[in-house]
Amino acid sequence: MRFVLVALVLISAFLVGEVVAAVLGHSLVLFADAGHMSTDVAALALSAWAIRLARRPAEGRWTFGLQRAEILSAAANGVALVAISLLIAIDAIERLISPHRVHGGLVLIVAGVGALINVLATWVLSKANRRSLNLRGAYVHILTDLYAFIGTAIAGLVIVLTGWNRADSIASLVVVVLMVYAAWGLLRDAGRILLQAAPESLVLADIRSHLCGVTHVLDVHDLHVWTLTSGSHTVSAHVIVEDHCFDTGHAPRILDALQSCLVEHFDVEHATFQLEPASHVNHEGNLHP
């Protein structure tokens, strides 16, 4: 949490200064950078909020707690990126057609300071747990800002040396591309989790193969794998075992073996198994493979 708060203070302080510089310098690219950095501030603030919510224990209707708050935060951050990038793109195209006078020296100075601030914020966040989609999103945003400030500095230098004001608009469009790319990654990953798709790091065929390799297991069906929150995967399955396991009291040992299999091979600690005799499969319809 403290790494997120430190980065939030750094970015917020610079954001205020950049907006002032953008107004004084009549620079769209500084406004674009400020717009991108505003999403960084939102991402960091939402990250801190989501981390706090995720720590609440499971109770009442919230049987899994509020761990998915970070996924909702990441999705909201992605939507905000898309909206801001659209506004900046429209203004940049208008300025390409009718360029405004831009103070290149001010743009160059602000971009240099911004790059230093982003390097520091990136270093701070690199110490946090980036397995979290929320924190990874914030980290990617700030790293993208660093690249954007490099482009902004180049635009400022071009304006200082040549007086070509359209460089400001072109740099703005480069920032827009970076923002859209970052937004796509966040929305894609958040969408997969919210729609309960199987995580890319786990292959269902491999999981089924390993579970079927447990002694006395005949088959596995209704296998489901999903992500509760970043880095926390859950498995449920119906497991067909030899009939005598229910008579000999061997079933609990099979459950232990199945759980150990998931932990050892797939680093999955939360699983729910339904053990069934071979004859029970005939009583189930609409089975998921």
C-alpha atoms as a PDB file:
ATOM      1  CA  MET A   1       0.000   0.000   0.000  1.00  0.00           C
ATOM      2  CA  ARG A   2       2.747   2.489   0.913  1.00  0.00           C
ATOM      3  CA  PHE A   3       4.439   2.136  -2.504  1.00  0.00           C
ATOM      4  CA  VAL A   4       1.158   3.027  -4.193  1.00  0.00           C
ATOM      5  CA  LEU A   5       0.655   6.072  -1.961  1.00  0.00           C
ATOM      6  CA  VAL A   6       4.195   7.359  -2.565  1.00  0.00           C
ATOM      7  CA  ALA A   7       3.761   7.059  -6.339  1.00  0.00           C
ATOM      8  CA  LEU A   8       0.339   8.738  -6.058  1.00  0.00           C
ATOM      9  CA  VAL A   9       1.806  11.780  -4.285  1.00  0.00           C
ATOM     10  CA  LEU A  10       4.608  12.128  -6.845  1.00  0.00           C
ATOM     11  CA  ILE A  11       2.342  11.891  -9.882  1.00  0.00           C
ATOM     12  CA  SER A  12      -0.381  14.141  -8.403  1.00  0.00           C
ATOM     13  CA  ALA A  13       2.065  16.925  -7.578  1.00  0.00           C
ATOM     14  CA  PHE A  14       3.548  16.888 -11.056  1.00  0.00           C
ATOM     15  CA  LEU A  15       0.115  16.702 -12.706  1.00  0.00           C
ATOM     16  CA  VAL A  16      -0.872  20.066 -11.232  1.00  0.00           C
ATOM     17  CA  GLY A  17       2.335  21.670 -12.495  1.00  0.00           C
ATOM     18  CA  GLU A  18       1.938  20.163 -15.959  1.00  0.00           C
ATOM     19  CA  VAL A  19      -1.595  21.478 -16.397  1.00  0.00           C
ATOM     20  CA  VAL A  20      -0.371  24.981 -15.516  1.00  0.00           C
ATOM     21  CA  ALA A  21       2.520  24.633 -17.986  1.00  0.00           C
ATOM     22  CA  ALA A  22       0.154  23.378 -20.708  1.00  0.00           C
ATOM     23  CA  VAL A  23      -2.066  26.448 -20.285  1.00  0.00           C
ATOM     24  CA  LEU A  24       0.880  28.869 -20.298  1.00  0.00           C
ATOM     25  CA  GLY A  25       2.618  27.152 -23.202  1.00  0.00           C
ATOM     26  CA  HIS A  26      -0.501  26.524 -25.342  1.00  0.00           C
ATOM     27  CA  SER A  27       0.683  22.924 -25.756  1.00  0.00           C
ATOM     28  CA  LEU A  28      -1.745  20.153 -26.645  1.00  0.00           C
ATOM     29  CA  VAL A  29       0.868  17.459 -26.083  1.00  0.00           C
ATOM     30  CA  LEU A  30       1.283  18.645 -22.484  1.00  0.00           C
ATOM     31  CA  PHE A  31      -2.501  18.486 -22.092  1.00  0.00           C
ATOM     32  CA  ALA A  32      -2.359  14.973 -23.584  1.00  0.00           C
ATOM     33  CA  ASP A  33       0.338  13.960 -21.136  1.00  0.00           C
ATOM     34  CA  ALA A  34      -1.659  15.522 -18.308  1.00  0.00           C
ATOM     35  CA  GLY A  35      -4.731  13.598 -19.419  1.00  0.00           C
ATOM     36  CA  HIS A  36      -2.737  10.387 -19.398  1.00  0.00           C
ATOM     37  CA  MET A  37      -1.274  11.204 -16.013  1.00  0.00           C
ATOM     38  CA  SER A  38      -4.746  11.925 -14.646  1.00  0.00           C
ATOM     39  CA  THR A  39      -5.603   8.301 -15.416  1.00  0.00           C
ATOM     40  CA  ASP A  40      -2.420   7.324 -13.573  1.00  0.00           C
ATOM     41  CA  VAL A  41      -3.634   9.259 -10.548  1.00  0.00           C
ATOM     42  CA  ALA A  42      -7.025   7.581 -10.836  1.00  0.00           C
ATOM     43  CA  ALA A  43      -5.383   4.173 -11.268  1.00  0.00           C
ATOM     44  CA  LEU A  44      -3.208   4.635  -8.201  1.00  0.00           C
ATOM     45  CA  ALA A  45      -6.082   5.992  -6.106  1.00  0.00           C
ATOM     46  CA  LEU A  46      -8.339   3.134  -7.185  1.00  0.00           C
ATOM     47  CA  SER A  47      -5.519   0.681  -6.513  1.00  0.00           C
ATOM     48  CA  ALA A  48      -5.149   1.907  -2.962  1.00  0.00           C
ATOM     49  CA  TRP A  49      -8.928   1.770  -2.481  1.00  0.00           C
ATOM     50  CA  ALA A  50      -9.187  -1.709  -4.000  1.00  0.00           C
ATOM     51  CA  ILE A  51      -6.314  -3.017  -1.876  1.00  0.00           C
ATOM     52  CA  ARG A  52      -8.122  -1.797   1.216  1.00  0.00           C
ATOM     53  CA  LEU A  53     -11.408  -3.416   0.129  1.00  0.00           C
ATOM     54  CA  ALA A  54      -9.692  -6.685  -0.785  1.00  0.00           C
ATOM     55  CA  ARG A  55      -8.374  -6.992   2.753  1.00  0.00           C
ATOM     56  CA  ARG A  56     -11.861  -7.164   4.217  1.00  0.00           C
ATOM     57  CA  PRO A  57     -12.760 -10.672   5.395  1.00  0.00           C
ATOM     58  CA  ALA A  58     -15.455 -12.727   3.702  1.00  0.00           C
ATOM     59  CA  GLU A  59     -18.770 -12.294   5.468  1.00  0.00           C
ATOM     60  CA  GLY A  60     -22.517 -12.300   4.836  1.00  0.00           C
ATOM     61  CA  ARG A  61     -23.369 -12.258   1.141  1.00  0.00           C
ATOM     62  CA  TRP A  62     -19.750 -11.543   0.211  1.00  0.00           C
ATOM     63  CA  THR A  63     -18.597 -15.154   0.498  1.00  0.00           C
ATOM     64  CA  PHE A  64     -15.361 -14.418  -1.377  1.00  0.00           C
ATOM     65  CA  GLY A  65     -14.842 -11.061   0.310  1.00  0.00           C
ATOM     66  CA  LEU A  66     -14.270  -8.042  -1.943  1.00  0.00           C
ATOM     67  CA  GLN A  67     -11.168  -9.299  -3.696  1.00  0.00           C
ATOM     68  CA  ARG A  68     -12.550  -8.517  -7.134  1.00  0.00           C
ATOM     69  CA  ALA A  69     -12.659  -4.815  -6.347  1.00  0.00           C
ATOM     70  CA  GLU A  70      -9.225  -4.533  -7.953  1.00  0.00           C
ATOM     71  CA  ILE A  71     -10.538  -6.037 -11.199  1.00  0.00           C
ATOM     72  CA  LEU A  72     -13.400  -3.534 -11.341  1.00  0.00           C
ATOM     73  CA  SER A  73     -10.856  -0.790 -10.672  1.00  0.00           C
ATOM     74  CA  ALA A  74      -8.663  -1.952 -13.555  1.00  0.00           C
ATOM     75  CA  ALA A  75     -11.663  -2.076 -15.910  1.00  0.00           C
ATOM     76  CA  ALA A  76     -12.757   1.433 -14.920  1.00  0.00           C
ATOM     77  CA  ASN A  77      -9.235   2.650 -15.495  1.00  0.00           C
ATOM     78  CA  GLY A  78      -9.208   1.152 -19.001  1.00  0.00           C
ATOM     79  CA  VAL A  79     -12.521   2.805 -19.913  1.00  0.00           C
ATOM     80  CA  ALA A  80     -11.227   6.173 -18.695  1.00  0.00           C
ATOM     81  CA  LEU A  81      -8.117   5.787 -20.853  1.00  0.00           C
ATOM     82  CA  VAL A  82     -10.219   5.176 -23.957  1.00  0.00           C
ATOM     83  CA  ALA A  83     -12.437   8.207 -23.300  1.00  0.00           C
ATOM     84  CA  ILE A  84      -9.526  10.587 -22.700  1.00  0.00           C
ATOM     85  CA  SER A  85      -7.572   9.303 -25.708  1.00  0.00           C
ATOM     86  CA  LEU A  86     -10.584   9.935 -27.961  1.00  0.00           C
ATOM     87  CA  LEU A  87     -10.869  13.559 -26.809  1.00  0.00           C
ATOM     88  CA  ILE A  88      -7.149  14.161 -27.276  1.00  0.00           C
ATOM     89  CA  ALA A  89      -7.136  12.547 -30.729  1.00  0.00           C
ATOM     90  CA  ILE A  90      -9.954  14.824 -31.947  1.00  0.00           C
ATOM     91  CA  ASP A  91      -8.162  17.956 -30.709  1.00  0.00           C
ATOM     92  CA  ALA A  92      -4.818  16.799 -32.149  1.00  0.00           C
ATOM     93  CA  ILE A  93      -6.305  16.296 -35.615  1.00  0.00           C
ATOM     94  CA  GLU A  94      -7.878  19.754 -35.482  1.00  0.00           C
ATOM     95  CA  ARG A  95      -4.504  21.276 -34.564  1.00  0.00           C
ATOM     96  CA  LEU A  96      -2.787  19.411 -37.384  1.00  0.00           C
ATOM     97  CA  ILE A  97      -5.132  21.203 -39.766  1.00  0.00           C
ATOM     98  CA  SER A  98      -4.905  24.569 -37.990  1.00  0.00           C
ATOM     99  CA  PRO A  99      -1.706  24.575 -35.894  1.00  0.00           C
ATOM    100  CA  HIS A 100      -1.380  26.797 -32.816  1.00  0.00           C
ATOM    101  CA  ARG A 101       1.774  28.523 -31.664  1.00  0.00           C
ATOM    102  CA  VAL A 102       3.492  26.391 -29.026  1.00  0.00           C
ATOM    103  CA  HIS A 103       6.264  27.384 -26.589  1.00  0.00           C
ATOM    104  CA  GLY A 104       8.707  24.612 -27.434  1.00  0.00           C
ATOM    105  CA  GLY A 105      11.186  25.482 -24.688  1.00  0.00           C
ATOM    106  CA  LEU A 106       8.567  25.139 -21.967  1.00  0.00           C
ATOM    107  CA  VAL A 107       7.368  21.848 -23.458  1.00  0.00           C
ATOM    108  CA  LEU A 108      10.944  20.524 -23.473  1.00  0.00           C
ATOM    109  CA  ILE A 109      11.585  21.510 -19.837  1.00  0.00           C
ATOM    110  CA  VAL A 110       8.283  20.065 -18.548  1.00  0.00           C
ATOM    111  CA  ALA A 111       8.821  16.844 -20.498  1.00  0.00           C
ATOM    112  CA  GLY A 112      12.277  16.441 -18.966  1.00  0.00           C
ATOM    113  CA  VAL A 113      10.976  16.940 -15.434  1.00  0.00           C
ATOM    114  CA  GLY A 114       8.044  14.611 -16.161  1.00  0.00           C
ATOM    115  CA  ALA A 115      10.377  11.880 -17.360  1.00  0.00           C
ATOM    116  CA  LEU A 116      12.377  12.123 -14.121  1.00  0.00           C
ATOM    117  CA  ILE A 117       9.201  11.970 -11.998  1.00  0.00           C
ATOM    118  CA  ASN A 118       7.983   8.922 -13.934  1.00  0.00           C
ATOM    119  CA  VAL A 119      11.329   7.148 -13.559  1.00  0.00           C
ATOM    120  CA  LEU A 120      11.092   7.668  -9.795  1.00  0.00           C
ATOM    121  CA  ALA A 121       7.429   6.557  -9.637  1.00  0.00           C
ATOM    122  CA  THR A 122       8.174   3.501 -11.806  1.00  0.00           C
ATOM    123  CA  TRP A 123      11.033   2.540  -9.497  1.00  0.00           C
ATOM    124  CA  VAL A 124       8.770   2.882  -6.441  1.00  0.00           C
ATOM    125  CA  LEU A 125       5.998   0.744  -7.965  1.00  0.00           C
ATOM    126  CA  SER A 126       8.476  -1.883  -9.163  1.00  0.00           C
ATOM    127  CA  LYS A 127       8.872  -2.807  -5.492  1.00  0.00           C
ATOM    128  CA  ALA A 128       5.133  -3.543  -5.149  1.00  0.00           C
ATOM    129  CA  ASN A 129       3.431  -6.849  -5.964  1.00  0.00           C
ATOM    130  CA  ARG A 130       2.762  -6.621  -9.714  1.00  0.00           C
ATOM    131  CA  ARG A 131       0.912  -9.945  -9.775  1.00  0.00           C
ATOM    132  CA  SER A 132      -2.071  -7.725  -8.991  1.00  0.00           C
ATOM    133  CA  LEU A 133      -3.828  -6.639 -12.190  1.00  0.00           C
ATOM    134  CA  ASN A 134      -4.591  -3.351 -10.483  1.00  0.00           C
ATOM    135  CA  LEU A 135      -0.982  -2.590  -9.600  1.00  0.00           C
ATOM    136  CA  ARG A 136       0.251  -3.926 -12.930  1.00  0.00           C
ATOM    137  CA  GLY A 137      -2.152  -1.550 -14.648  1.00  0.00           C
ATOM    138  CA  ALA A 138      -0.860   1.400 -12.651  1.00  0.00           C
ATOM    139  CA  TYR A 139       2.736   0.361 -13.345  1.00  0.00           C
ATOM    140  CA  VAL A 140       2.087   0.051 -17.084  1.00  0.00           C
ATOM    141  CA  HIS A 141       0.394   3.451 -17.145  1.00  0.00           C
ATOM    142  CA  ILE A 142       3.321   5.186 -15.493  1.00  0.00           C
ATOM    143  CA  LEU A 143       5.816   3.369 -17.717  1.00  0.00           C
ATOM    144  CA  THR A 144       3.754   4.434 -20.754  1.00  0.00           C
ATOM    145  CA  ASP A 145       3.879   8.012 -19.457  1.00  0.00           C
ATOM    146  CA  LEU A 146       7.655   7.779 -19.419  1.00  0.00           C
ATOM    147  CA  TYR A 147       7.674   6.869 -23.108  1.00  0.00           C
ATOM    148  CA  ALA A 148       5.157   9.647 -23.784  1.00  0.00           C
ATOM    149  CA  PHE A 149       7.355  12.233 -22.083  1.00  0.00           C
ATOM    150  CA  ILE A 150      10.279  11.152 -24.223  1.00  0.00           C
ATOM    151  CA  GLY A 151       8.118  11.781 -27.299  1.00  0.00           C
ATOM    152  CA  THR A 152       6.987  15.106 -25.846  1.00  0.00           C
ATOM    153  CA  ALA A 153      10.593  16.171 -25.262  1.00  0.00           C
ATOM    154  CA  ILE A 154      11.423  15.346 -28.871  1.00  0.00           C
ATOM    155  CA  ALA A 155       8.428  17.429 -30.027  1.00  0.00           C
ATOM    156  CA  GLY A 156       9.553  20.351 -27.860  1.00  0.00           C
ATOM    157  CA  LEU A 157      13.085  20.132 -29.254  1.00  0.00           C
ATOM    158  CA  VAL A 158      11.764  20.101 -32.839  1.00  0.00           C
ATOM    159  CA  ILE A 159       9.664  23.202 -32.138  1.00  0.00           C
ATOM    160  CA  VAL A 160      12.643  25.020 -30.552  1.00  0.00           C
ATOM    161  CA  LEU A 161      14.961  24.201 -33.447  1.00  0.00           C
ATOM    162  CA  THR A 162      12.571  24.546 -36.401  1.00  0.00           C
ATOM    163  CA  GLY A 163       9.458  26.325 -35.163  1.00  0.00           C
ATOM    164  CA  TRP A 164       7.297  23.522 -36.640  1.00  0.00           C
ATOM    165  CA  ASN A 165       4.284  23.618 -34.300  1.00  0.00           C
ATOM    166  CA  ARG A 166       2.614  20.550 -35.812  1.00  0.00           C
ATOM    167  CA  ALA A 167       5.196  18.455 -33.967  1.00  0.00           C
ATOM    168  CA  ASP A 168       3.091  19.073 -30.847  1.00  0.00           C
ATOM    169  CA  SER A 169      -0.001  17.493 -32.451  1.00  0.00           C
ATOM    170  CA  ILE A 170       1.941  14.551 -33.858  1.00  0.00           C
ATOM    171  CA  ALA A 171       3.428  13.830 -30.426  1.00  0.00           C
ATOM    172  CA  SER A 172      -0.098  14.007 -28.995  1.00  0.00           C
ATOM    173  CA  LEU A 173      -1.273  11.315 -31.408  1.00  0.00           C
ATOM    174  CA  VAL A 174       1.667   9.129 -30.369  1.00  0.00           C
ATOM    175  CA  VAL A 175       0.542   9.511 -26.748  1.00  0.00           C
ATOM    176  CA  VAL A 176      -2.997   8.538 -27.816  1.00  0.00           C
ATOM    177  CA  VAL A 177      -1.709   5.320 -29.400  1.00  0.00           C
ATOM    178  CA  LEU A 178       0.134   4.440 -26.185  1.00  0.00           C
ATOM    179  CA  MET A 179      -2.988   5.147 -24.130  1.00  0.00           C
ATOM    180  CA  VAL A 180      -5.213   2.973 -26.336  1.00  0.00           C
ATOM    181  CA  TYR A 181      -2.683   0.134 -26.213  1.00  0.00           C
ATOM    182  CA  ALA A 182      -2.555   0.292 -22.412  1.00  0.00           C
ATOM    183  CA  ALA A 183      -6.356   0.469 -22.215  1.00  0.00           C
ATOM    184  CA  TRP A 184      -6.772  -2.583 -24.443  1.00  0.00           C
ATOM    185  CA  GLY A 185      -4.488  -4.666 -22.228  1.00  0.00           C
ATOM    186  CA  LEU A 186      -6.345  -3.684 -19.058  1.00  0.00           C
ATOM    187  CA  LEU A 187      -9.829  -4.208 -20.501  1.00  0.00           C
ATOM    188  CA  ARG A 188      -8.854  -7.545 -22.045  1.00  0.00           C
ATOM    189  CA  ASP A 189      -7.403  -8.946 -18.819  1.00  0.00           C
ATOM    190  CA  ALA A 190     -10.162  -7.537 -16.614  1.00  0.00           C
ATOM    191  CA  GLY A 191     -12.812  -8.852 -19.017  1.00  0.00           C
ATOM    192  CA  ARG A 192     -11.372 -12.358 -18.943  1.00  0.00           C
ATOM    193  CA  ILE A 193     -11.558 -12.409 -15.153  1.00  0.00           C
ATOM    194  CA  LEU A 194     -15.023 -10.855 -14.878  1.00  0.00           C
ATOM    195  CA  LEU A 195     -16.379 -13.307 -17.490  1.00  0.00           C
ATOM    196  CA  GLN A 196     -14.679 -16.154 -15.598  1.00  0.00           C
ATOM    197  CA  ALA A 197     -12.582 -17.376 -18.493  1.00  0.00           C
ATOM    198  CA  ALA A 198      -9.908 -19.925 -17.698  1.00  0.00           C
ATOM    199  CA  PRO A 199      -6.597 -18.126 -17.034  1.00  0.00           C
ATOM    200  CA  GLU A 200      -4.086 -18.253 -19.877  1.00  0.00           C
ATOM    201  CA  SER A 201      -1.433 -19.668 -17.555  1.00  0.00           C
ATOM    202  CA  LEU A 202      -3.467 -22.846 -16.958  1.00  0.00           C
ATOM    203  CA  VAL A 203      -4.321 -25.409 -19.645  1.00  0.00           C
ATOM    204  CA  LEU A 204      -7.469 -27.411 -18.862  1.00  0.00           C
ATOM    205  CA  ALA A 205      -6.243 -30.491 -20.723  1.00  0.00           C
ATOM    206  CA  ASP A 206      -3.102 -30.557 -18.559  1.00  0.00           C
ATOM    207  CA  ILE A 207      -5.116 -30.183 -15.356  1.00  0.00           C
ATOM    208  CA  ARG A 208      -7.491 -32.995 -16.366  1.00  0.00           C
ATOM    209  CA  SER A 209      -4.558 -35.224 -17.303  1.00  0.00           C
ATOM    210  CA  HIS A 210      -2.848 -34.741 -13.951  1.00  0.00           C
ATOM    211  CA  LEU A 211      -6.053 -35.275 -11.971  1.00  0.00           C
ATOM    212  CA  CYS A 212      -6.826 -38.447 -13.910  1.00  0.00           C
ATOM    213  CA  GLY A 213      -3.362 -39.680 -13.013  1.00  0.00           C
ATOM    214  CA  VAL A 214      -4.244 -39.796  -9.304  1.00  0.00           C
ATOM    215  CA  THR A 215      -4.635 -43.374  -8.039  1.00  0.00           C
ATOM    216  CA  HIS A 216      -8.212 -44.725  -8.171  1.00  0.00           C
ATOM    217  CA  VAL A 217      -9.447 -41.811 -10.361  1.00  0.00           C
ATOM    218  CA  LEU A 218     -11.230 -43.038 -13.492  1.00  0.00           C
ATOM    219  CA  ASP A 219     -12.269 -39.783 -15.133  1.00  0.00           C
ATOM    220  CA  VAL A 220     -12.841 -36.044 -14.582  1.00  0.00           C
ATOM    221  CA  HIS A 221     -15.705 -33.981 -15.975  1.00  0.00           C
ATOM    222  CA  ASP A 222     -17.430 -30.658 -15.283  1.00  0.00           C
ATOM    223  CA  LEU A 223     -13.970 -29.162 -14.909  1.00  0.00           C
ATOM    224  CA  HIS A 224     -14.036 -25.395 -14.383  1.00  0.00           C
ATOM    225  CA  VAL A 225     -11.107 -23.058 -13.794  1.00  0.00           C
ATOM    226  CA  TRP A 226     -11.405 -19.336 -13.173  1.00  0.00           C
ATOM    227  CA  THR A 227      -9.617 -16.422 -11.552  1.00  0.00           C
ATOM    228  CA  LEU A 228     -11.070 -14.902  -8.411  1.00  0.00           C
ATOM    229  CA  THR A 229      -8.608 -12.016  -8.402  1.00  0.00           C
ATOM    230  CA  SER A 230      -5.079 -11.494  -9.708  1.00  0.00           C
ATOM    231  CA  GLY A 231      -2.916 -14.518  -8.926  1.00  0.00           C
ATOM    232  CA  SER A 232      -5.747 -16.401  -7.201  1.00  0.00           C
ATOM    233  CA  HIS A 233      -7.133 -19.263  -9.288  1.00  0.00           C
ATOM    234  CA  THR A 234      -9.959 -21.631  -8.379  1.00  0.00           C
ATOM    235  CA  VAL A 235     -10.812 -25.110  -9.698  1.00  0.00           C
ATOM    236  CA  SER A 236     -13.974 -27.185  -9.412  1.00  0.00           C
ATOM    237  CA  ALA A 237     -14.565 -30.624 -10.901  1.00  0.00           C
ATOM    238  CA  HIS A 238     -16.569 -33.830 -10.706  1.00  0.00           C
ATOM    239  CA  VAL A 239     -14.198 -36.743 -10.198  1.00  0.00           C
ATOM    240  CA  ILE A 240     -15.233 -40.321 -10.951  1.00  0.00           C
ATOM    241  CA  VAL A 241     -13.460 -42.841  -8.722  1.00  0.00           C
ATOM    242  CA  GLU A 242     -13.571 -46.601  -8.315  1.00  0.00           C
ATOM    243  CA  ASP A 243     -16.712 -47.751  -6.475  1.00  0.00           C
ATOM    244  CA  HIS A 244     -14.886 -49.507  -3.657  1.00  0.00           C
ATOM    245  CA  CYS A 245     -13.315 -46.203  -2.516  1.00  0.00           C
ATOM    246  CA  PHE A 246     -16.619 -45.263  -0.896  1.00  0.00           C
ATOM    247  CA  ASP A 247     -16.855 -48.568   0.959  1.00  0.00           C
ATOM    248  CA  THR A 248     -13.275 -48.700   2.175  1.00  0.00           C
ATOM    249  CA  GLY A 249     -13.101 -45.103   3.382  1.00  0.00           C
ATOM    250  CA  HIS A 250     -10.443 -44.248   0.800  1.00  0.00           C
ATOM    251  CA  ALA A 251     -12.310 -41.164  -0.518  1.00  0.00           C
ATOM    252  CA  PRO A 252     -10.717 -38.620   1.895  1.00  0.00           C
ATOM    253  CA  ARG A 253      -7.241 -39.716   0.796  1.00  0.00           C
ATOM    254  CA  ILE A 254      -8.226 -39.192  -2.843  1.00  0.00           C
ATOM    255  CA  LEU A 255      -9.338 -35.669  -2.031  1.00  0.00           C
ATOM    256  CA  ASP A 256      -5.982 -34.981  -0.382  1.00  0.00           C
ATOM    257  CA  ALA A 257      -4.151 -36.368  -3.406  1.00  0.00           C
ATOM    258  CA  LEU A 258      -6.203 -34.269  -5.830  1.00  0.00           C
ATOM    259  CA  GLN A 259      -5.535 -31.111  -3.851  1.00  0.00           C
ATOM    260  CA  SER A 260      -1.825 -31.878  -3.572  1.00  0.00           C
ATOM    261  CA  CYS A 261      -1.708 -32.452  -7.321  1.00  0.00           C
ATOM    262  CA  LEU A 262      -3.106 -28.971  -8.021  1.00  0.00           C
ATOM    263  CA  VAL A 263      -0.801 -27.246  -5.543  1.00  0.00           C
ATOM    264  CA  GLU A 264       2.317 -29.071  -6.754  1.00  0.00           C
ATOM    265  CA  HIS A 265       1.791 -28.801 -10.520  1.00  0.00           C
ATOM    266  CA  PHE A 266      -0.368 -25.693 -10.970  1.00  0.00           C
ATOM    267  CA  ASP A 267       0.006 -23.613  -7.784  1.00  0.00           C
ATOM    268  CA  VAL A 268      -3.771 -23.702  -7.244  1.00  0.00           C
ATOM    269  CA  GLU A 269      -4.717 -23.850  -3.575  1.00  0.00           C
ATOM    270  CA  HIS A 270      -8.497 -23.407  -3.725  1.00  0.00           C
ATOM    271  CA  ALA A 271     -10.450 -26.278  -5.267  1.00  0.00           C
ATOM    272  CA  THR A 272     -13.790 -28.007  -4.874  1.00  0.00           C
ATOM    273  CA  PHE A 273     -14.151 -31.662  -5.896  1.00  0.00           C
ATOM    274  CA  GLN A 274     -17.258 -33.804  -6.094  1.00  0.00           C
ATOM    275  CA  LEU A 275     -16.377 -37.483  -5.903  1.00  0.00           C
ATOM    276  CA  GLU A 276     -18.718 -39.838  -7.753  1.00  0.00           C
ATOM    277  CA  PRO A 277     -18.923 -43.612  -8.300  1.00  0.00           C
ATOM    278  CA  ALA A 278     -18.687 -44.745 -11.917  1.00  0.00           C
ATOM    279  CA  SER A 279     -22.403 -45.541 -12.026  1.00  0.00           C
ATOM    280  CA  HIS A 280     -23.391 -41.973 -11.112  1.00  0.00           C
ATOM    281  CA  VAL A 281     -22.397 -40.452 -14.456  1.00  0.00           C
ATOM    282  CA  ASN A 282     -25.549 -41.878 -16.032  1.00  0.00           C
ATOM    283  CA  HIS A 283     -27.654 -39.637 -13.769  1.00  0.00           C
ATOM    284  CA  GLU A 284     -26.086 -36.386 -14.943  1.00  0.00           C
ATOM    285  CA  GLY A 285     -27.084 -34.463 -18.032  1.00  0.00           C
ATOM    286  CA  ASN A 286     -25.575 -31.503 -19.886  1.00  0.00           C
ATOM    287  CA  LEU A 287     -22.113 -32.384 -18.665  1.00  0.00           C
ATOM    288  CA  HIS A 288     -19.274 -29.990 -19.254  1.00  0.00           C
ATOM    289  CA  PRO A 289     -16.198 -31.871 -20.541  1.00  0.00           C
END
